[in-house]
C-alpha atoms as a PDB file:
ATOM      1  CA  UNK A   1      27.093 -25.922  99.108  1.00  0.00           C
ATOM      2  CA  UNK A   2      24.740 -23.264  99.894  1.00  0.00           C
ATOM      3  CA  UNK A   3      26.915 -20.176 101.144  1.00  0.00           C
ATOM      4  CA  UNK A   4      25.680 -17.019 102.275  1.00  0.00           C
ATOM      5  CA  UNK A   5      28.748 -14.628 101.937  1.00  0.00           C
ATOM      6  CA  UNK A   6      31.510 -16.351 103.713  1.00  0.00           C
ATOM      7  CA  UNK A   7      29.158 -18.597 105.849  1.00  0.00           C
ATOM      8  CA  UNK A   8      29.031 -22.238 104.577  1.00  0.00           C
ATOM      9  CA  UNK A   9      25.747 -23.940 105.526  1.00  0.00           C
ATOM     10  CA  UNK A  10      26.299 -27.504 103.926  1.00  0.00           C
ATOM     11  CA  UNK A  11      24.434 -29.102 101.036  1.00  0.00           C
ATOM     12  CA  UNK A  12      20.847 -28.281 101.484  1.00  0.00           C
ATOM     13  CA  UNK A  13      20.573 -26.124 104.979  1.00  0.00           C
ATOM     14  CA  UNK A  14      17.427 -26.098 106.974  1.00  0.00           C
ATOM     15  CA  UNK A  15      16.761 -22.725 108.302  1.00  0.00           C
ATOM     16  CA  UNK A  16      14.531 -22.048 111.316  1.00  0.00           C
ATOM     17  CA  UNK A  17      12.017 -18.988 110.671  1.00  0.00           C
ATOM     18  CA  UNK A  18      11.745 -16.156 112.521  1.00  0.00           C
ATOM     19  CA  UNK A  19       8.678 -16.080 114.466  1.00  0.00           C
ATOM     20  CA  UNK A  20       7.306 -13.517 116.652  1.00  0.00           C
ATOM     21  CA  UNK A  21       7.023 -14.745 120.448  1.00  0.00           C
ATOM     22  CA  UNK A  22       8.436 -18.023 119.427  1.00  0.00           C
ATOM     23  CA  UNK A  23      11.874 -18.079 118.456  1.00  0.00           C
ATOM     24  CA  UNK A  24      13.799 -16.740 121.185  1.00  0.00           C
ATOM     25  CA  UNK A  25      17.030 -18.130 122.488  1.00  0.00           C
ATOM     26  CA  UNK A  26      15.370 -20.948 124.627  1.00  0.00           C
ATOM     27  CA  UNK A  27      13.357 -22.024 121.678  1.00  0.00           C
ATOM     28  CA  UNK A  28      16.465 -21.659 119.311  1.00  0.00           C
ATOM     29  CA  UNK A  29      18.645 -23.766 121.702  1.00  0.00           C
ATOM     30  CA  UNK A  30      16.336 -26.959 121.249  1.00  0.00           C
ATOM     31  CA  UNK A  31      16.104 -26.273 117.698  1.00  0.00           C
ATOM     32  CA  UNK A  32      19.864 -26.048 117.196  1.00  0.00           C
ATOM     33  CA  UNK A  33      20.153 -29.273 119.114  1.00  0.00           C
ATOM     34  CA  UNK A  34      18.101 -31.202 116.551  1.00  0.00           C
ATOM     35  CA  UNK A  35      19.548 -30.171 113.493  1.00  0.00           C
ATOM     36  CA  UNK A  36      18.723 -26.467 112.480  1.00  0.00           C
ATOM     37  CA  UNK A  37      21.377 -25.074 110.320  1.00  0.00           C
ATOM     38  CA  UNK A  38      20.779 -21.393 110.531  1.00  0.00           C
ATOM     39  CA  UNK A  39      18.256 -19.415 112.617  1.00  0.00           C
ATOM     40  CA  UNK A  40      17.206 -16.099 113.297  1.00  0.00           C
ATOM     41  CA  UNK A  41      16.033 -13.864 116.027  1.00  0.00           C
ATOM     42  CA  UNK A  42      12.382 -12.933 116.265  1.00  0.00           C
ATOM     43  CA  UNK A  43      11.816 -10.066 114.184  1.00  0.00           C
ATOM     44  CA  UNK A  44      12.861  -6.721 115.774  1.00  0.00           C
ATOM     45  CA  UNK A  45      11.271  -3.298 115.249  1.00  0.00           C
ATOM     46  CA  UNK A  46      13.502  -0.732 114.083  1.00  0.00           C
ATOM     47  CA  UNK A  47      11.682   1.884 116.147  1.00  0.00           C
ATOM     48  CA  UNK A  48      11.740  -0.050 119.071  1.00  0.00           C
ATOM     49  CA  UNK A  49      15.442  -0.487 118.601  1.00  0.00           C
ATOM     50  CA  UNK A  50      16.319   2.985 118.191  1.00  0.00           C
ATOM     51  CA  UNK A  51      14.137   4.060 121.413  1.00  0.00           C
ATOM     52  CA  UNK A  52      16.339   1.692 123.251  1.00  0.00           C
ATOM     53  CA  UNK A  53      12.647  -0.321 124.131  1.00  0.00           C
ATOM     54  CA  UNK A  54      13.550  -3.149 126.475  1.00  0.00           C
ATOM     55  CA  UNK A  55      11.743  -5.820 124.457  1.00  0.00           C
ATOM     56  CA  UNK A  56      13.582  -4.793 121.193  1.00  0.00           C
ATOM     57  CA  UNK A  57      16.887  -4.620 122.876  1.00  0.00           C
ATOM     58  CA  UNK A  58      16.448  -8.129 124.427  1.00  0.00           C
ATOM     59  CA  UNK A  59      15.636  -9.756 121.085  1.00  0.00           C
ATOM     60  CA  UNK A  60      19.351  -8.743 120.162  1.00  0.00           C
ATOM     61  CA  UNK A  61      20.390 -11.538 122.586  1.00  0.00           C
ATOM     62  CA  UNK A  62      22.726 -14.283 120.725  1.00  0.00           C
ATOM     63  CA  UNK A  63      24.816 -16.848 121.942  1.00  0.00           C
ATOM     64  CA  UNK A  64      28.030 -18.560 120.665  1.00  0.00           C
ATOM     65  CA  UNK A  65      26.421 -21.885 120.248  1.00  0.00           C
ATOM     66  CA  UNK A  66      23.543 -20.505 118.098  1.00  0.00           C
ATOM     67  CA  UNK A  67      26.065 -19.500 115.238  1.00  0.00           C
ATOM     68  CA  UNK A  68      25.266 -19.030 112.441  1.00  0.00           C
ATOM     69  CA  UNK A  69      22.526 -16.770 113.319  1.00  0.00           C
ATOM     70  CA  UNK A  70      20.930 -13.595 111.687  1.00  0.00           C
ATOM     71  CA  UNK A  71      19.156 -10.598 113.359  1.00  0.00           C
ATOM     72  CA  UNK A  72      15.849  -9.734 111.697  1.00  0.00           C
ATOM     73  CA  UNK A  73      14.541  -6.199 111.377  1.00  0.00           C
ATOM     74  CA  UNK A  74      11.348  -4.828 110.372  1.00  0.00           C
ATOM     75  CA  UNK A  75      10.484  -1.272 109.842  1.00  0.00           C
ATOM     76  CA  UNK A  76       8.574   1.580 107.316  1.00  0.00           C
ATOM     77  CA  UNK A  77      11.127   4.445 107.870  1.00  0.00           C
ATOM     78  CA  UNK A  78      14.200   4.139 105.890  1.00  0.00           C
ATOM     79  CA  UNK A  79      16.474   6.257 108.417  1.00  0.00           C
ATOM     80  CA  UNK A  80      14.894   4.572 111.555  1.00  0.00           C
ATOM     81  CA  UNK A  81      15.881   0.963 109.568  1.00  0.00           C
ATOM     82  CA  UNK A  82      19.407   2.421 108.858  1.00  0.00           C
ATOM     83  CA  UNK A  83      19.822   3.571 112.449  1.00  0.00           C
ATOM     84  CA  UNK A  84      18.501   0.212 113.877  1.00  0.00           C
ATOM     85  CA  UNK A  85      20.904  -1.686 111.194  1.00  0.00           C
ATOM     86  CA  UNK A  86      23.691  -0.003 112.562  1.00  0.00           C
ATOM     87  CA  UNK A  87      22.785  -1.200 116.270  1.00  0.00           C
ATOM     88  CA  UNK A  88      22.214  -4.745 115.041  1.00  0.00           C
ATOM     89  CA  UNK A  89      25.437  -4.783 113.210  1.00  0.00           C
ATOM     90  CA  UNK A  90      27.157  -4.007 116.479  1.00  0.00           C
ATOM     91  CA  UNK A  91      25.513  -6.927 117.992  1.00  0.00           C
ATOM     92  CA  UNK A  92      27.486  -9.168 115.929  1.00  0.00           C
ATOM     93  CA  UNK A  93      25.380 -11.672 114.503  1.00  0.00           C
ATOM     94  CA  UNK A  94      26.511 -13.663 111.316  1.00  0.00           C
ATOM     95  CA  UNK A  95      23.913 -11.747 109.153  1.00  0.00           C
ATOM     96  CA  UNK A  96      21.276  -9.022 108.992  1.00  0.00           C
ATOM     97  CA  UNK A  97      18.022 -10.282 107.679  1.00  0.00           C
ATOM     98  CA  UNK A  98      15.175  -7.895 106.707  1.00  0.00           C
ATOM     99  CA  UNK A  99      11.370  -8.763 107.131  1.00  0.00           C
ATOM    100  CA  UNK A 100       9.180  -7.639 103.927  1.00  0.00           C
ATOM    101  CA  UNK A 101       6.914 -10.705 104.513  1.00  0.00           C
ATOM    102  CA  UNK A 102       5.244 -10.223 107.853  1.00  0.00           C
ATOM    103  CA  UNK A 103       1.339 -10.127 106.839  1.00  0.00           C
ATOM    104  CA  UNK A 104      -0.063  -9.066 110.413  1.00  0.00           C
ATOM    105  CA  UNK A 105      -2.008  -5.862 110.635  1.00  0.00           C
ATOM    106  CA  UNK A 106      -0.122  -3.946 113.383  1.00  0.00           C
ATOM    107  CA  UNK A 107       2.960  -4.520 111.132  1.00  0.00           C
ATOM    108  CA  UNK A 108       1.720  -4.266 107.247  1.00  0.00           C
ATOM    109  CA  UNK A 109      -0.763  -1.453 108.277  1.00  0.00           C
ATOM    110  CA  UNK A 110       2.045   0.858 109.498  1.00  0.00           C
ATOM    111  CA  UNK A 111       3.882   0.297 106.093  1.00  0.00           C
ATOM    112  CA  UNK A 112       6.397  -2.275 107.163  1.00  0.00           C
ATOM    113  CA  UNK A 113       6.693  -6.045 106.626  1.00  0.00           C
ATOM    114  CA  UNK A 114       4.979  -7.250 103.875  1.00  0.00           C
ATOM    115  CA  UNK A 115       3.398  -3.612 103.052  1.00  0.00           C
ATOM    116  CA  UNK A 116       6.672  -2.761 101.256  1.00  0.00           C
ATOM    117  CA  UNK A 117       5.895  -5.334  98.603  1.00  0.00           C
ATOM    118  CA  UNK A 118       3.444  -2.431  97.402  1.00  0.00           C
ATOM    119  CA  UNK A 119       6.406   0.165  97.029  1.00  0.00           C
ATOM    120  CA  UNK A 120       9.282  -1.600  95.325  1.00  0.00           C
ATOM    121  CA  UNK A 121      11.291   1.400  94.995  1.00  0.00           C
ATOM    122  CA  UNK A 122      11.189   2.034  98.866  1.00  0.00           C
ATOM    123  CA  UNK A 123      11.946  -1.357  99.538  1.00  0.00           C
ATOM    124  CA  UNK A 124      15.173  -1.214  97.289  1.00  0.00           C
ATOM    125  CA  UNK A 125      16.354   2.080  98.843  1.00  0.00           C
ATOM    126  CA  UNK A 126      16.021   0.773 102.382  1.00  0.00           C
ATOM    127  CA  UNK A 127      17.742  -2.600 101.850  1.00  0.00           C
ATOM    128  CA  UNK A 128      20.400  -0.732  99.909  1.00  0.00           C
ATOM    129  CA  UNK A 129      20.929   1.628 103.107  1.00  0.00           C
ATOM    130  CA  UNK A 130      21.215  -1.416 105.278  1.00  0.00           C
ATOM    131  CA  UNK A 131      23.818  -3.314 102.869  1.00  0.00           C
ATOM    132  CA  UNK A 132      26.068  -0.121 103.291  1.00  0.00           C
ATOM    133  CA  UNK A 133      26.042   0.186 106.711  1.00  0.00           C
ATOM    134  CA  UNK A 134      26.506  -3.724 107.376  1.00  0.00           C
ATOM    135  CA  UNK A 135      29.698  -5.449 107.305  1.00  0.00           C
ATOM    136  CA  UNK A 136      28.124  -8.783 107.205  1.00  0.00           C
ATOM    137  CA  UNK A 137      25.699 -10.318 104.575  1.00  0.00           C
ATOM    138  CA  UNK A 138      22.514  -8.810 104.455  1.00  0.00           C
ATOM    139  CA  UNK A 139      19.449 -11.137 103.349  1.00  0.00           C
ATOM    140  CA  UNK A 140      15.815 -10.624 102.983  1.00  0.00           C
ATOM    141  CA  UNK A 141      12.599 -12.636 103.869  1.00  0.00           C
ATOM    142  CA  UNK A 142       9.403 -11.983 101.760  1.00  0.00           C
ATOM    143  CA  UNK A 143       6.344 -13.147 100.136  1.00  0.00           C
ATOM    144  CA  UNK A 144       5.070 -13.709  96.605  1.00  0.00           C
ATOM    145  CA  UNK A 145       3.513 -10.254  96.484  1.00  0.00           C
ATOM    146  CA  UNK A 146       0.693  -8.390  98.162  1.00  0.00           C
ATOM    147  CA  UNK A 147      -2.090 -10.120  96.450  1.00  0.00           C
ATOM    148  CA  UNK A 148      -2.831 -12.237  93.364  1.00  0.00           C
ATOM    149  CA  UNK A 149      -2.810  -9.502  91.136  1.00  0.00           C
ATOM    150  CA  UNK A 150       0.758  -8.191  92.499  1.00  0.00           C
ATOM    151  CA  UNK A 151       2.784 -11.320  92.660  1.00  0.00           C
ATOM    152  CA  UNK A 152       6.066  -9.147  91.922  1.00  0.00           C
ATOM    153  CA  UNK A 153       8.760 -11.299  93.794  1.00  0.00           C
ATOM    154  CA  UNK A 154      10.726 -12.214  90.740  1.00  0.00           C
ATOM    155  CA  UNK A 155      11.105  -8.348  90.215  1.00  0.00           C
ATOM    156  CA  UNK A 156      11.917  -8.067  93.578  1.00  0.00           C
ATOM    157  CA  UNK A 157      14.391 -10.839  93.690  1.00  0.00           C
ATOM    158  CA  UNK A 158      16.509  -9.281  90.766  1.00  0.00           C
ATOM    159  CA  UNK A 159      16.554  -5.722  92.280  1.00  0.00           C
ATOM    160  CA  UNK A 160      17.503  -6.890  95.651  1.00  0.00           C
ATOM    161  CA  UNK A 161      20.369  -8.940  94.520  1.00  0.00           C
ATOM    162  CA  UNK A 162      21.366  -6.233  92.214  1.00  0.00           C
ATOM    163  CA  UNK A 163      21.787  -3.842  95.428  1.00  0.00           C
ATOM    164  CA  UNK A 164      23.798  -6.600  97.263  1.00  0.00           C
ATOM    165  CA  UNK A 165      21.741  -8.814  99.275  1.00  0.00           C
ATOM    166  CA  UNK A 166      23.307 -12.157  99.717  1.00  0.00           C
ATOM    167  CA  UNK A 167      20.196 -14.733 100.090  1.00  0.00           C
ATOM    168  CA  UNK A 168      16.460 -14.387  99.810  1.00  0.00           C
ATOM    169  CA  UNK A 169      13.912 -16.553 101.614  1.00  0.00           C
ATOM    170  CA  UNK A 170      10.318 -16.519  99.872  1.00  0.00           C
ATOM    171  CA  UNK A 171       7.317 -17.641 101.702  1.00  0.00           C
ATOM    172  CA  UNK A 172       4.848 -19.231  99.094  1.00  0.00           C
ATOM    173  CA  UNK A 173       1.834 -16.822  99.881  1.00  0.00           C
ATOM    174  CA  UNK A 174       0.754 -13.505  99.276  1.00  0.00           C
ATOM    175  CA  UNK A 175       0.067 -10.907 102.196  1.00  0.00           C
ATOM    176  CA  UNK A 176      -3.671 -11.081 101.423  1.00  0.00           C
ATOM    177  CA  UNK A 177      -3.499 -14.980 102.066  1.00  0.00           C
ATOM    178  CA  UNK A 178      -1.868 -14.452 105.284  1.00  0.00           C
ATOM    179  CA  UNK A 179      -1.563 -18.261 106.320  1.00  0.00           C
ATOM    180  CA  UNK A 180      -4.384 -19.569 104.843  1.00  0.00           C
ATOM    181  CA  UNK A 181      -4.798 -22.103 101.709  1.00  0.00           C
ATOM    182  CA  UNK A 182      -1.917 -23.943 100.381  1.00  0.00           C
ATOM    183  CA  UNK A 183       1.893 -22.418  99.864  1.00  0.00           C
ATOM    184  CA  UNK A 184       2.337 -21.945  96.332  1.00  0.00           C
ATOM    185  CA  UNK A 185       6.108 -22.708  95.300  1.00  0.00           C
ATOM    186  CA  UNK A 186       5.620 -22.473  91.672  1.00  0.00           C
ATOM    187  CA  UNK A 187       7.017 -18.608  91.558  1.00  0.00           C
ATOM    188  CA  UNK A 188       9.994 -19.744  94.162  1.00  0.00           C
ATOM    189  CA  UNK A 189      11.117 -22.351  91.591  1.00  0.00           C
ATOM    190  CA  UNK A 190      11.031 -19.913  88.694  1.00  0.00           C
ATOM    191  CA  UNK A 191      13.214 -17.335  90.352  1.00  0.00           C
ATOM    192  CA  UNK A 192      15.735 -20.309  91.309  1.00  0.00           C
ATOM    193  CA  UNK A 193      15.515 -20.993  87.746  1.00  0.00           C
ATOM    194  CA  UNK A 194      16.198 -17.532  86.445  1.00  0.00           C
ATOM    195  CA  UNK A 195      19.606 -17.368  85.093  1.00  0.00           C
ATOM    196  CA  UNK A 196      19.897 -13.937  86.432  1.00  0.00           C
ATOM    197  CA  UNK A 197      19.711 -15.110  89.966  1.00  0.00           C
ATOM    198  CA  UNK A 198      23.016 -16.042  91.607  1.00  0.00           C
ATOM    199  CA  UNK A 199      22.236 -15.846  95.278  1.00  0.00           C
ATOM    200  CA  UNK A 200      20.766 -18.796  97.426  1.00  0.00           C
ATOM    201  CA  UNK A 201      16.812 -19.176  97.330  1.00  0.00           C
ATOM    202  CA  UNK A 202      15.381 -20.609 100.168  1.00  0.00           C
ATOM    203  CA  UNK A 203      11.601 -21.590 100.250  1.00  0.00           C
ATOM    204  CA  UNK A 204       9.209 -21.578 103.131  1.00  0.00           C
ATOM    205  CA  UNK A 205       5.716 -22.368 103.630  1.00  0.00           C
ATOM    206  CA  UNK A 206       3.873 -25.587 104.826  1.00  0.00           C
ATOM    207  CA  UNK A 207       6.809 -27.869 104.984  1.00  0.00           C
ATOM    208  CA  UNK A 208       5.719 -30.339 107.850  1.00  0.00           C
ATOM    209  CA  UNK A 209       7.346 -33.546 106.740  1.00  0.00           C
ATOM    210  CA  UNK A 210      10.529 -35.239 105.230  1.00  0.00           C
ATOM    211  CA  UNK A 211       8.458 -36.111 102.278  1.00  0.00           C
ATOM    212  CA  UNK A 212       7.131 -32.563 101.526  1.00  0.00           C
ATOM    213  CA  UNK A 213      10.663 -31.340 101.970  1.00  0.00           C
ATOM    214  CA  UNK A 214      12.025 -33.986  99.555  1.00  0.00           C
ATOM    215  CA  UNK A 215       9.473 -32.864  97.161  1.00  0.00           C
ATOM    216  CA  UNK A 216      10.100 -29.133  97.522  1.00  0.00           C
ATOM    217  CA  UNK A 217      13.958 -29.720  96.884  1.00  0.00           C
ATOM    218  CA  UNK A 218      13.346 -31.918  93.665  1.00  0.00           C
ATOM    219  CA  UNK A 219      10.651 -29.900  92.014  1.00  0.00           C
ATOM    220  CA  UNK A 220      11.698 -26.632  92.674  1.00  0.00           C
ATOM    221  CA  UNK A 221      15.472 -26.807  92.874  1.00  0.00           C
ATOM    222  CA  UNK A 222      15.881 -24.263  95.896  1.00  0.00           C
ATOM    223  CA  UNK A 223      18.995 -24.199  98.011  1.00  0.00           C
ATOM    224  CA  UNK A 224      17.399 -24.903 101.246  1.00  0.00           C
ATOM    225  CA  UNK A 225      14.173 -24.774 103.279  1.00  0.00           C
ATOM    226  CA  UNK A 226      12.715 -22.642 105.790  1.00  0.00           C
ATOM    227  CA  UNK A 227      10.767 -23.989 108.337  1.00  0.00           C
ATOM    228  CA  UNK A 228       8.583 -22.134 110.829  1.00  0.00           C
ATOM    229  CA  UNK A 229       5.178 -23.749 112.464  1.00  0.00           C
ATOM    230  CA  UNK A 230       6.298 -27.214 112.074  1.00  0.00           C
ATOM    231  CA  UNK A 231       9.114 -26.709 114.593  1.00  0.00           C
ATOM    232  CA  UNK A 232       6.918 -25.377 117.324  1.00  0.00           C
ATOM    233  CA  UNK A 233       7.211 -28.033 119.892  1.00  0.00           C
ATOM    234  CA  UNK A 234       8.667 -30.420 117.490  1.00  0.00           C
ATOM    235  CA  UNK A 235      12.469 -29.189 117.140  1.00  0.00           C
ATOM    236  CA  UNK A 236      13.241 -33.062 115.724  1.00  0.00           C
ATOM    237  CA  UNK A 237      11.726 -32.230 112.389  1.00  0.00           C
ATOM    238  CA  UNK A 238      14.997 -30.709 111.267  1.00  0.00           C
ATOM    239  CA  UNK A 239      17.126 -33.968 111.988  1.00  0.00           C
ATOM    240  CA  UNK A 240      14.001 -36.068 110.599  1.00  0.00           C
ATOM    241  CA  UNK A 241      14.367 -34.155 107.331  1.00  0.00           C
ATOM    242  CA  UNK A 242      17.886 -34.607 107.015  1.00  0.00           C
ATOM    243  CA  UNK A 243      17.959 -38.300 107.788  1.00  0.00           C
ATOM    244  CA  UNK A 244      15.096 -38.908 105.116  1.00  0.00           C
ATOM    245  CA  UNK A 245      16.955 -36.730 102.514  1.00  0.00           C
ATOM    246  CA  UNK A 246      20.048 -38.698 103.210  1.00  0.00           C
ATOM    247  CA  UNK A 247      18.744 -42.290 103.406  1.00  0.00           C
ATOM    248  CA  UNK A 248      15.054 -42.313 102.143  1.00  0.00           C
ATOM    249  CA  UNK A 249      14.179 -43.635 105.718  1.00  0.00           C
ATOM    250  CA  UNK A 250      12.347 -42.468 108.552  1.00  0.00           C
ATOM    251  CA  UNK A 251      13.908 -41.781 112.206  1.00  0.00           C
ATOM    252  CA  UNK A 252      11.846 -43.049 114.944  1.00  0.00           C
ATOM    253  CA  UNK A 253       9.286 -40.540 115.959  1.00  0.00           C
ATOM    254  CA  UNK A 254      10.349 -38.975 119.692  1.00  0.00           C
ATOM    255  CA  UNK A 255       9.112 -40.920 122.375  1.00  0.00           C
ATOM    256  CA  UNK A 256       7.321 -39.495 125.474  1.00  0.00           C
ATOM    257  CA  UNK A 257      10.476 -39.592 127.298  1.00  0.00           C
ATOM    258  CA  UNK A 258      12.223 -37.601 124.355  1.00  0.00           C
ATOM    259  CA  UNK A 259       9.436 -35.089 124.505  1.00  0.00           C
ATOM    260  CA  UNK A 260       9.612 -34.563 128.371  1.00  0.00           C
ATOM    261  CA  UNK A 261      13.321 -34.281 128.182  1.00  0.00           C
ATOM    262  CA  UNK A 262      13.344 -31.467 125.659  1.00  0.00           C
ATOM    263  CA  UNK A 263      10.448 -29.971 127.003  1.00  0.00           C
ATOM    264  CA  UNK A 264      12.441 -29.778 130.441  1.00  0.00           C
ATOM    265  CA  UNK A 265      15.412 -28.385 128.670  1.00  0.00           C
ATOM    266  CA  UNK A 266      13.202 -25.574 126.949  1.00  0.00           C
ATOM    267  CA  UNK A 267      11.900 -24.826 130.247  1.00  0.00           C
ATOM    268  CA  UNK A 268      15.185 -24.397 131.989  1.00  0.00           C
ATOM    269  CA  UNK A 269      16.704 -22.237 129.166  1.00  0.00           C
ATOM    270  CA  UNK A 270      13.587 -19.877 129.368  1.00  0.00           C
ATOM    271  CA  UNK A 271      14.337 -19.777 132.965  1.00  0.00           C
ATOM    272  CA  UNK A 272      18.022 -18.824 132.513  1.00  0.00           C
ATOM    273  CA  UNK A 273      17.372 -16.550 130.055  1.00  0.00           C
ATOM    274  CA  UNK A 274      14.501 -14.705 131.663  1.00  0.00           C
ATOM    275  CA  UNK A 275      13.892 -15.197 135.156  1.00  0.00           C
ATOM    276  CA  UNK A 276      11.746 -17.606 137.122  1.00  0.00           C
ATOM    277  CA  UNK A 277       8.707 -15.829 136.861  1.00  0.00           C
ATOM    278  CA  UNK A 278       8.820 -14.888 133.106  1.00  0.00           C
ATOM    279  CA  UNK A 279      10.443 -17.823 131.930  1.00  0.00           C
ATOM    280  CA  UNK A 280       7.568 -20.246 133.532  1.00  0.00           C
ATOM    281  CA  UNK A 281       5.088 -17.732 131.957  1.00  0.00           C
ATOM    282  CA  UNK A 282       6.506 -17.689 128.285  1.00  0.00           C
ATOM    283  CA  UNK A 283       7.082 -21.587 128.478  1.00  0.00           C
ATOM    284  CA  UNK A 284       3.207 -21.809 128.660  1.00  0.00           C
ATOM    285  CA  UNK A 285       2.405 -21.557 124.825  1.00  0.00           C
ATOM    286  CA  UNK A 286       4.810 -24.361 123.875  1.00  0.00           C
ATOM    287  CA  UNK A 287       3.065 -27.261 126.190  1.00  0.00           C
ATOM    288  CA  UNK A 288       0.252 -28.132 123.853  1.00  0.00           C
ATOM    289  CA  UNK A 289       2.738 -28.600 120.812  1.00  0.00           C
ATOM    290  CA  UNK A 290       5.017 -30.851 122.635  1.00  0.00           C
ATOM    291  CA  UNK A 291       2.370 -33.159 123.462  1.00  0.00           C
ATOM    292  CA  UNK A 292       0.173 -32.858 120.688  1.00  0.00           C
ATOM    293  CA  UNK A 293      -1.664 -36.202 119.656  1.00  0.00           C
ATOM    294  CA  UNK A 294      -1.742 -37.231 123.490  1.00  0.00           C
ATOM    295  CA  UNK A 295      -5.117 -38.596 124.179  1.00  0.00           C
ATOM    296  CA  UNK A 296      -6.756 -36.998 127.215  1.00  0.00           C
ATOM    297  CA  UNK A 297      -3.891 -34.432 127.693  1.00  0.00           C
ATOM    298  CA  UNK A 298      -6.476 -31.256 128.197  1.00  0.00           C
ATOM    299  CA  UNK A 299      -6.341 -31.631 132.283  1.00  0.00           C
ATOM    300  CA  UNK A 300      -2.293 -32.045 132.332  1.00  0.00           C
ATOM    301  CA  UNK A 301      -2.077 -28.820 129.789  1.00  0.00           C
ATOM    302  CA  UNK A 302      -4.456 -26.859 132.047  1.00  0.00           C
ATOM    303  CA  UNK A 303      -2.332 -27.506 134.872  1.00  0.00           C
ATOM    304  CA  UNK A 304       1.089 -26.902 133.415  1.00  0.00           C
ATOM    305  CA  UNK A 305      -0.255 -23.486 131.862  1.00  0.00           C
ATOM    306  CA  UNK A 306      -1.570 -22.504 135.276  1.00  0.00           C
ATOM    307  CA  UNK A 307       1.462 -23.509 137.465  1.00  0.00           C
ATOM    308  CA  UNK A 308       3.975 -20.763 138.589  1.00  0.00           C
ATOM    309  CA  UNK A 309       6.425 -22.976 140.635  1.00  0.00           C
ATOM    310  CA  UNK A 310       9.171 -24.912 138.741  1.00  0.00           C
ATOM    311  CA  UNK A 311       8.883 -27.820 141.125  1.00  0.00           C
ATOM    312  CA  UNK A 312       4.941 -28.368 140.250  1.00  0.00           C
ATOM    313  CA  UNK A 313       5.840 -28.238 136.531  1.00  0.00           C
ATOM    314  CA  UNK A 314       8.567 -30.895 136.907  1.00  0.00           C
ATOM    315  CA  UNK A 315       6.074 -33.227 139.275  1.00  0.00           C
ATOM    316  CA  UNK A 316       3.284 -32.418 136.357  1.00  0.00           C
ATOM    317  CA  UNK A 317       5.925 -33.602 133.638  1.00  0.00           C
ATOM    318  CA  UNK A 318       6.897 -36.636 135.659  1.00  0.00           C
ATOM    319  CA  UNK A 319       3.114 -37.622 136.165  1.00  0.00           C
ATOM    320  CA  UNK A 320       2.615 -37.242 132.262  1.00  0.00           C
ATOM    321  CA  UNK A 321       5.736 -39.324 131.758  1.00  0.00           C
ATOM    322  CA  UNK A 322       4.586 -42.067 134.057  1.00  0.00           C
ATOM    323  CA  UNK A 323       1.212 -42.006 132.415  1.00  0.00           C
ATOM    324  CA  UNK A 324       1.705 -42.081 128.890  1.00  0.00           C
ATOM    325  CA  UNK A 325       5.031 -44.324 128.843  1.00  0.00           C
ATOM    326  CA  UNK A 326       3.287 -46.896 126.790  1.00  0.00           C
ATOM    327  CA  UNK A 327       1.770 -44.646 124.118  1.00  0.00           C
ATOM    328  CA  UNK A 328       3.041 -43.967 120.687  1.00  0.00           C
ATOM    329  CA  UNK A 329       2.535 -40.420 119.688  1.00  0.00           C
ATOM    330  CA  UNK A 330       2.453 -39.094 115.949  1.00  0.00           C
END
């Protein structure tokens, strides 16, 4: 049984990775419906939060049905992170997560995210401050290291555990790799085997099939898996993995009707959370993924991403349903 503090997550939990501009409440709603055991908000800028920037504050929105859920913070200034931690703690998530893994320039070049892998003492101090102010578990997400010469995640794991984090998620790439090449889980497995490490270790990177999930579970002994890109437009991935781990057999792939149905729910939730204009706008990034693999879908996608009317989108989705009802996808 994997546990983070007092949060019980079952035997082999599947976590939804925090993804900027993706893992908002509407997206999390559909992932929860299809088997995600623990989810996180999009990462939230500590500076934005303490300045009360609307975009950052809105990312604190969490709903009871999403629990257990973590709020993820990133930043480069220890005092700002501490203040942001106090604000996040007051929003009453189940845990607070710190991002030491984001590789993108706007974050890492400002000394936040994966940049902290170049300054472990600062990372330790920053984490310690948040552990002190939080009255709930603090967890961390990071990478193997900054580059191939500095894969220091083993030291990171030990030192962060020593100051009180209660789980660690590790993406199997360095910062310099970004999202290229294959994720290397070897070091993740080493950390899991380290007798000093008592906290749950979750692996992340390239898990896009039930077979791959089983291989990583058996080969590296991780306590659970964090899934990011494979869930975009495909929330079924969580239940598919769970079913395969339990039975060794595959669930049937979602039909066109399934895809349309979940896509409609996602759109509905998006509109409810934001408003009709923004909800429709923000849903546009998801259509291509929901209907990945459909032949000759380009025209429908263009219509979906240019339509501003809920009724028009419903009409287009019904056309898709009628025209593709005989086709098996993926």
